[in-house]
Amino acid sequence: MKAIIPVAGAGTKLRPHTYTQPKALIPIAGKTILSFIVDQLHAAGIHEFIFIVGYLGEKIHEYVLQTYPELTCHFVYQNERQGTGHAIELTKTIVGTDELLVTLGDTICDYNIQEVISADCNLLGIKKVDDPRSFGVAELSEEGMIDHVIEKPAIPKSNMALVGIYKIKDTAILFECLEYLFRQNIKSYGEYNLTDALDCMIRRGVKFKSFKVKNWYDCGKKETLLESNTTLLKKFGGEIDKNIHSENSIIIPPVSIGTGCHLKNAIVGPHVSVGPNTTLEYSVVRDSIIGSYTNLFEVVIDNSLIGSDASIKGLSRTLNIGDNTELDFG
């Protein structure tokens, strides 16, 4: 089985951070979003990955090769963002006839991966949501089979959202349906969508079962990313690297603090992730994500997302600050 992880999106809802960093490499709970996904799949026995890259794709390429040298990795460039269906079609020659597990690059979920991988059928991950209009939606039979899927319906007939995890056994028919979308120029919201290809497969008689994920951590925008950071830190406990320097400081768990960090007269936590080589002096930080090589001096912040290589002095605010930024509120 091969895993496909599309990570070509521009991540516009997480700007300014995604001007300099792919969304998949945004830090959360001591890891990148991408590492949560890859580690999860690798632990379940998948060793071959196809990454669909585009915007800032060279950073994904470099990160994966450095972090996962033991994996077999392919990189496919989606130079024109024409949707998830177009992205998956680009992998056809690499996939061949192998089974697939497609996981969108901003989708962190709790589910039984081993059970999904070993299932002798096609599976789509779902979760009940309050407002399904922003998602792909699955309409289910009483037996839990999927009768129909539709992308972002204006009037949903179901509140079961597709979470972005797809186990595809009938890969040949998937690629046939993708080719059909292109020939007929069938698009949803201006893009060739994977959801439309899956619905094409269902109409051709391919059976899909649903499986429910236990938790779905939304990493798509600042507010939900911070909420997910808090939840994951509570779940896994966080990690404080042994190579940090802490002077007259208080750490309130759960937190994640990377190597080389320097804390002086600081209070950090709870629910804070700090990247490597960051300095916090005379500062109080809680419920926030701080990037690497960042300096905070006389700062009191909460519910904030601060990028890497930033410098902030003297304020008490809620912030959303990108990389390579310097602010002085003295």
Protein backbone atom coordinates (compact mmCIF):
# COMPACT_ATOMS: atom_id res chain seq x y z
CA MET A 1 0.00 0.00 0.00
CA LYS A 2 1.12 3.53 -0.78
CA ALA A 3 0.13 6.66 1.11
CA ILE A 4 -0.62 9.86 -0.79
CA ILE A 5 -0.39 13.14 1.11
CA PRO A 6 -1.44 16.24 -0.87
CA VAL A 7 0.37 19.28 0.54
CA ALA A 8 0.29 21.67 -2.42
CA GLY A 9 -2.18 24.21 -0.99
CA ALA A 10 -1.20 27.80 -0.26
CA GLY A 11 -2.79 27.81 3.22
CA THR A 12 -4.31 31.26 2.79
CA LYS A 13 -6.26 31.07 6.07
CA LEU A 14 -3.00 30.79 8.01
CA ARG A 15 -1.33 33.84 6.55
CA PRO A 16 1.02 35.55 7.26
CA HIS A 17 2.71 32.31 8.38
CA THR A 18 2.19 30.52 5.09
CA TYR A 19 3.90 33.26 3.10
CA THR A 20 7.19 31.71 4.23
CA GLN A 21 6.23 28.24 5.46
CA PRO A 22 4.03 25.52 3.93
CA LYS A 23 0.94 24.87 6.04
CA ALA A 24 2.02 21.26 6.56
CA LEU A 25 5.20 22.46 8.32
CA ILE A 26 3.43 24.74 10.79
CA PRO A 27 4.37 23.53 14.31
CA ILE A 28 1.76 22.07 16.63
CA ALA A 29 2.27 20.32 19.99
CA GLY A 30 5.99 19.85 19.40
CA LYS A 31 5.75 18.48 15.86
CA THR A 32 4.82 19.73 12.44
CA ILE A 33 1.35 18.95 11.10
CA LEU A 34 3.00 16.74 8.46
CA SER A 35 4.98 14.77 11.05
CA PHE A 36 1.82 13.90 12.98
CA ILE A 37 0.42 12.38 9.78
CA VAL A 38 3.57 10.59 8.57
CA ASP A 39 4.46 9.21 12.01
CA GLN A 40 0.94 7.86 12.40
CA LEU A 41 0.99 6.07 9.04
CA HIS A 42 4.57 4.82 9.36
CA ALA A 43 3.81 3.32 12.78
CA ALA A 44 0.96 1.39 11.16
CA GLY A 45 3.33 -0.16 8.63
CA ILE A 46 3.25 2.13 5.59
CA HIS A 47 6.74 2.76 4.21
CA GLU A 48 6.10 4.30 0.79
CA PHE A 49 4.75 7.84 0.52
CA ILE A 50 3.80 10.14 -2.34
CA PHE A 51 3.83 13.83 -1.46
CA ILE A 52 1.99 16.15 -3.83
CA VAL A 53 3.74 19.49 -3.46
CA GLY A 54 3.40 22.91 -5.00
CA TYR A 55 3.63 26.22 -3.15
CA LEU A 56 6.96 26.24 -1.23
CA GLY A 57 7.29 22.59 -2.21
CA GLU A 58 11.07 22.61 -1.92
CA LYS A 59 10.71 23.09 1.84
CA ILE A 60 8.47 20.01 2.08
CA HIS A 61 10.96 18.05 -0.04
CA GLU A 62 13.92 19.06 2.15
CA TYR A 63 12.05 18.46 5.41
CA VAL A 64 10.86 14.97 4.47
CA LEU A 65 14.25 13.78 3.22
CA GLN A 66 16.00 15.04 6.36
CA THR A 67 13.38 13.78 8.81
CA TYR A 68 12.48 10.44 7.21
CA PRO A 69 15.56 9.05 5.38
CA GLU A 70 14.34 5.50 6.01
CA LEU A 71 11.13 5.94 4.00
CA THR A 72 10.58 5.51 0.26
CA CYS A 73 9.36 8.94 -0.80
CA HIS A 74 8.14 10.32 -4.13
CA PHE A 75 7.49 14.00 -4.80
CA VAL A 76 4.98 15.07 -7.43
CA TYR A 77 4.68 18.75 -8.27
CA GLN A 78 1.24 20.25 -8.83
CA ASN A 79 2.27 23.47 -10.51
CA GLU A 80 -1.31 24.57 -11.18
CA ARG A 81 -3.74 24.31 -8.27
CA GLN A 82 -6.69 22.63 -9.99
CA GLY A 83 -8.06 20.71 -7.03
CA THR A 84 -7.57 17.47 -5.12
CA GLY A 85 -8.78 15.34 -8.04
CA HIS A 86 -6.14 16.84 -10.31
CA ALA A 87 -3.52 16.33 -7.58
CA ILE A 88 -4.31 12.61 -7.19
CA GLU A 89 -4.34 12.06 -10.97
CA LEU A 90 -0.74 13.27 -11.13
CA THR A 91 0.34 10.21 -9.11
CA LYS A 92 -1.07 7.63 -11.53
CA THR A 93 2.22 6.32 -12.92
CA ILE A 94 3.72 5.94 -9.43
CA VAL A 95 0.66 4.27 -7.93
CA GLY A 96 0.12 1.66 -10.64
CA THR A 97 -2.40 -0.84 -9.32
CA ASP A 98 -1.44 -0.61 -5.64
CA GLU A 99 -3.98 0.17 -2.96
CA LEU A 100 -3.96 3.70 -1.60
CA LEU A 101 -4.45 5.54 1.62
CA VAL A 102 -5.00 9.21 0.81
CA THR A 103 -4.67 11.61 3.74
CA LEU A 104 -5.00 15.33 3.19
CA GLY A 105 -1.97 17.23 4.45
CA ASP A 106 -3.86 19.25 7.06
CA THR A 107 -5.83 16.32 8.48
CA ILE A 108 -4.83 15.00 11.92
CA CYS A 109 -7.29 12.40 13.20
CA ASP A 110 -7.57 9.68 15.83
CA TYR A 111 -8.65 6.41 14.23
CA ASN A 112 -7.64 2.76 14.01
CA ILE A 113 -5.22 3.03 11.10
CA GLN A 114 -4.29 -0.66 11.15
CA GLU A 115 -7.94 -1.63 10.84
CA VAL A 116 -8.41 0.76 7.92
CA ILE A 117 -5.29 -0.48 6.12
CA SER A 118 -6.16 -4.16 6.49
CA ALA A 119 -9.82 -3.78 5.45
CA ASP A 120 -10.66 -5.59 2.22
CA CYS A 121 -12.83 -2.75 0.91
CA ASN A 122 -12.92 0.94 0.09
CA LEU A 123 -13.33 3.19 3.12
CA LEU A 124 -14.01 6.89 3.71
CA GLY A 125 -13.43 8.58 7.07
CA ILE A 126 -16.35 10.63 8.39
CA LYS A 127 -17.34 12.66 11.43
CA LYS A 128 -20.57 14.39 12.42
CA VAL A 129 -20.31 18.19 12.26
CA ASP A 130 -22.68 21.01 13.12
CA ASP A 131 -22.41 22.77 9.76
CA PRO A 132 -21.38 20.46 6.89
CA ARG A 133 -21.61 23.12 4.17
CA SER A 134 -17.84 23.71 4.28
CA PHE A 135 -16.93 20.05 3.76
CA GLY A 136 -17.36 17.12 1.50
CA VAL A 137 -20.47 15.32 2.77
CA ALA A 138 -21.35 11.61 2.80
CA GLU A 139 -24.93 10.32 2.61
CA LEU A 140 -25.18 6.93 4.30
CA SER A 141 -27.45 3.92 4.08
CA GLU A 142 -28.75 2.27 7.25
CA GLU A 143 -25.97 -0.32 6.93
CA GLY A 144 -23.28 2.36 6.98
CA MET A 145 -22.55 2.11 3.26
CA ILE A 146 -22.03 5.35 1.40
CA ASP A 147 -24.74 6.08 -1.18
CA HIS A 148 -23.53 9.49 -2.35
CA VAL A 149 -20.80 12.06 -1.68
CA ILE A 150 -20.94 15.73 -2.60
CA GLU A 151 -18.52 18.62 -2.11
CA LYS A 152 -19.73 21.55 0.04
CA PRO A 153 -23.47 21.23 -0.61
CA ALA A 154 -25.56 24.38 -0.20
CA ILE A 155 -28.38 22.31 1.32
CA PRO A 156 -26.78 19.24 2.94
CA LYS A 157 -28.83 16.07 3.28
CA SER A 158 -26.38 14.72 5.85
CA ASN A 159 -24.22 16.13 8.62
CA MET A 160 -21.50 13.51 8.11
CA ALA A 161 -18.41 15.32 6.82
CA LEU A 162 -15.57 13.66 4.95
CA VAL A 163 -12.52 14.21 7.13
CA GLY A 164 -9.97 13.78 4.33
CA ILE A 165 -8.94 10.12 4.82
CA TYR A 166 -9.66 7.76 1.93
CA LYS A 167 -8.76 4.05 1.68
CA ILE A 168 -8.97 3.13 -2.02
CA LYS A 169 -8.81 -0.52 -3.03
CA ASP A 170 -10.16 -0.09 -6.59
CA THR A 171 -7.46 2.31 -7.76
CA ALA A 172 -7.93 1.55 -11.47
CA ILE A 173 -11.55 2.73 -11.32
CA LEU A 174 -10.51 5.81 -9.32
CA PHE A 175 -8.18 6.91 -12.11
CA GLU A 176 -10.82 6.09 -14.74
CA CYS A 177 -13.25 8.39 -12.94
CA LEU A 178 -10.65 11.13 -12.64
CA GLU A 179 -10.06 10.93 -16.41
CA TYR A 180 -13.84 11.12 -16.92
CA LEU A 181 -13.98 14.35 -14.88
CA PHE A 182 -11.28 15.88 -17.06
CA ARG A 183 -12.88 14.79 -20.34
CA GLN A 184 -16.27 16.14 -19.30
CA ASN A 185 -14.76 19.15 -17.53
CA ILE A 186 -16.71 18.36 -14.36
CA LYS A 187 -15.66 20.73 -11.58
CA SER A 188 -16.87 21.75 -8.13
CA TYR A 189 -16.19 25.35 -7.16
CA GLY A 190 -13.84 25.74 -10.12
CA GLU A 191 -11.68 22.70 -9.34
CA TYR A 192 -11.44 19.01 -10.18
CA ASN A 193 -12.41 17.54 -6.86
CA LEU A 194 -11.62 14.11 -5.45
CA THR A 195 -15.12 13.99 -3.97
CA ASP A 196 -16.63 14.04 -7.49
CA ALA A 197 -14.36 11.16 -8.55
CA LEU A 198 -15.44 9.13 -5.53
CA ASP A 199 -19.09 9.76 -6.36
CA CYS A 200 -18.39 8.64 -9.93
CA MET A 201 -17.00 5.39 -8.52
CA ILE A 202 -20.14 4.89 -6.40
CA ARG A 203 -22.36 5.45 -9.46
CA ARG A 204 -20.36 2.78 -11.30
CA GLY A 205 -21.15 0.27 -8.59
CA VAL A 206 -18.02 0.49 -6.41
CA LYS A 207 -18.89 -0.08 -2.75
CA PHE A 208 -17.65 2.29 -0.06
CA LYS A 209 -17.98 1.77 3.66
CA SER A 210 -17.68 4.57 6.19
CA PHE A 211 -15.59 4.64 9.32
CA LYS A 212 -15.89 7.23 12.05
CA VAL A 213 -12.82 8.98 13.42
CA LYS A 214 -12.65 9.52 17.17
CA ASN A 215 -11.20 13.02 16.97
CA TRP A 216 -10.54 15.44 14.12
CA TYR A 217 -8.01 18.18 14.79
CA ASP A 218 -8.60 21.20 12.57
CA CYS A 219 -5.34 22.92 11.58
CA GLY A 220 -6.74 25.17 8.87
CA LYS A 221 -6.81 28.58 10.61
CA LYS A 222 -5.29 30.32 13.61
CA GLU A 223 -8.13 29.79 16.10
CA THR A 224 -8.65 26.10 15.40
CA LEU A 225 -4.89 25.47 15.16
CA LEU A 226 -4.45 26.82 18.68
CA GLU A 227 -7.39 24.73 19.91
CA SER A 228 -5.84 21.63 18.34
CA ASN A 229 -2.46 22.49 19.88
CA THR A 230 -4.12 22.59 23.31
CA THR A 231 -5.97 19.31 22.78
CA LEU A 232 -2.90 17.45 21.49
CA LEU A 233 -0.72 18.73 24.32
CA LYS A 234 -3.31 17.49 26.81
CA LYS A 235 -3.50 14.14 25.01
CA PHE A 236 0.24 13.47 24.65
CA GLY A 237 1.58 15.55 27.55
CA GLY A 238 4.09 17.62 25.60
CA GLU A 239 7.86 17.34 25.80
CA ILE A 240 10.54 19.63 27.22
CA ASP A 241 13.92 19.11 25.60
CA LYS A 242 16.71 18.44 28.06
CA ASN A 243 18.95 20.94 26.27
CA ILE A 244 17.17 24.10 27.39
CA HIS A 245 18.40 26.76 29.79
CA SER A 246 15.89 27.90 32.39
CA GLU A 247 16.73 30.66 34.87
CA ASN A 248 14.24 31.78 37.52
CA SER A 249 11.37 30.59 35.31
CA ILE A 250 8.16 28.63 35.80
CA ILE A 251 6.89 26.03 33.34
CA ILE A 252 3.23 25.03 33.67
CA PRO A 253 2.48 21.79 31.79
CA PRO A 254 1.43 20.63 29.34
CA VAL A 255 3.96 22.40 27.14
CA SER A 256 6.41 21.51 24.38
CA ILE A 257 9.76 23.33 24.39
CA GLY A 258 12.34 22.64 21.71
CA THR A 259 16.09 22.24 22.05
CA GLY A 260 18.32 25.24 22.65
CA CYS A 261 15.60 27.43 24.16
CA HIS A 262 16.52 30.02 26.78
CA LEU A 263 14.03 31.01 29.49
CA LYS A 264 14.82 33.82 31.93
CA ASN A 265 12.31 35.22 34.43
CA ALA A 266 9.54 33.73 32.32
CA ILE A 267 6.28 31.90 32.90
CA VAL A 268 5.45 29.45 30.12
CA GLY A 269 2.23 27.45 29.94
CA PRO A 270 -0.12 25.88 30.02
CA HIS A 271 -0.77 24.80 26.41
CA VAL A 272 2.29 26.37 24.81
CA SER A 273 4.50 25.00 22.03
CA VAL A 274 7.90 26.66 21.61
CA GLY A 275 10.19 25.89 18.67
CA PRO A 276 13.96 25.30 18.98
CA ASN A 277 16.44 28.07 19.88
CA THR A 278 13.83 30.57 21.04
CA THR A 279 14.46 33.03 23.88
CA LEU A 280 11.78 34.17 26.35
CA GLU A 281 12.86 36.81 28.87
CA TYR A 282 10.68 38.59 31.45
CA SER A 283 7.65 37.21 29.61
CA VAL A 284 4.43 35.34 30.26
CA VAL A 285 3.10 33.06 27.51
CA ARG A 286 0.10 30.73 27.58
CA ASP A 287 -2.20 29.01 25.07
CA SER A 288 0.14 29.90 22.20
CA ILE A 289 2.48 28.55 19.52
CA ILE A 290 5.90 30.19 19.20
CA GLY A 291 8.24 29.40 16.29
CA SER A 292 12.00 28.79 16.31
CA TYR A 293 14.79 31.37 16.67
CA THR A 294 12.28 33.90 18.03
CA ASN A 295 12.96 36.40 20.82
CA LEU A 296 10.30 37.64 23.25
CA PHE A 297 11.27 40.30 25.82
CA GLU A 298 8.87 41.81 28.39
CA VAL A 299 5.88 40.27 26.64
CA VAL A 300 2.57 39.00 28.04
CA ILE A 301 0.59 37.07 25.43
CA ASP A 302 -2.07 34.39 25.16
CA ASN A 303 -3.97 32.73 22.31
CA SER A 304 -1.21 33.83 19.95
CA LEU A 305 0.56 32.33 16.96
CA ILE A 306 4.09 33.69 16.51
CA GLY A 307 6.29 32.67 13.60
CA SER A 308 10.03 31.91 13.43
CA ASP A 309 12.86 34.47 13.49
CA ALA A 310 10.54 37.05 15.04
CA SER A 311 11.46 39.62 17.71
CA ILE A 312 8.86 41.17 20.02
CA LYS A 313 9.47 43.57 22.92
CA GLY A 314 7.15 45.02 25.50
CA LEU A 315 3.44 44.44 25.02
CA SER A 316 0.36 42.64 26.27
CA ARG A 317 -1.76 41.55 23.33
CA THR A 318 -3.25 38.69 21.33
CA LEU A 319 -1.16 38.29 18.21
CA ASN A 320 -0.89 36.57 14.86
CA ILE A 321 2.67 37.36 13.77
CA GLY A 322 4.47 35.80 10.81
CA ASP A 323 8.11 34.86 10.27
CA ASN A 324 10.97 37.36 10.08
CA THR A 325 9.01 40.06 11.96
CA GLU A 326 10.31 42.57 14.48
CA LEU A 327 7.98 44.52 16.79
CA ASP A 328 9.00 46.91 19.58
CA PHE A 329 6.15 48.18 21.78
CA GLY A 330 8.49 49.70 24.35
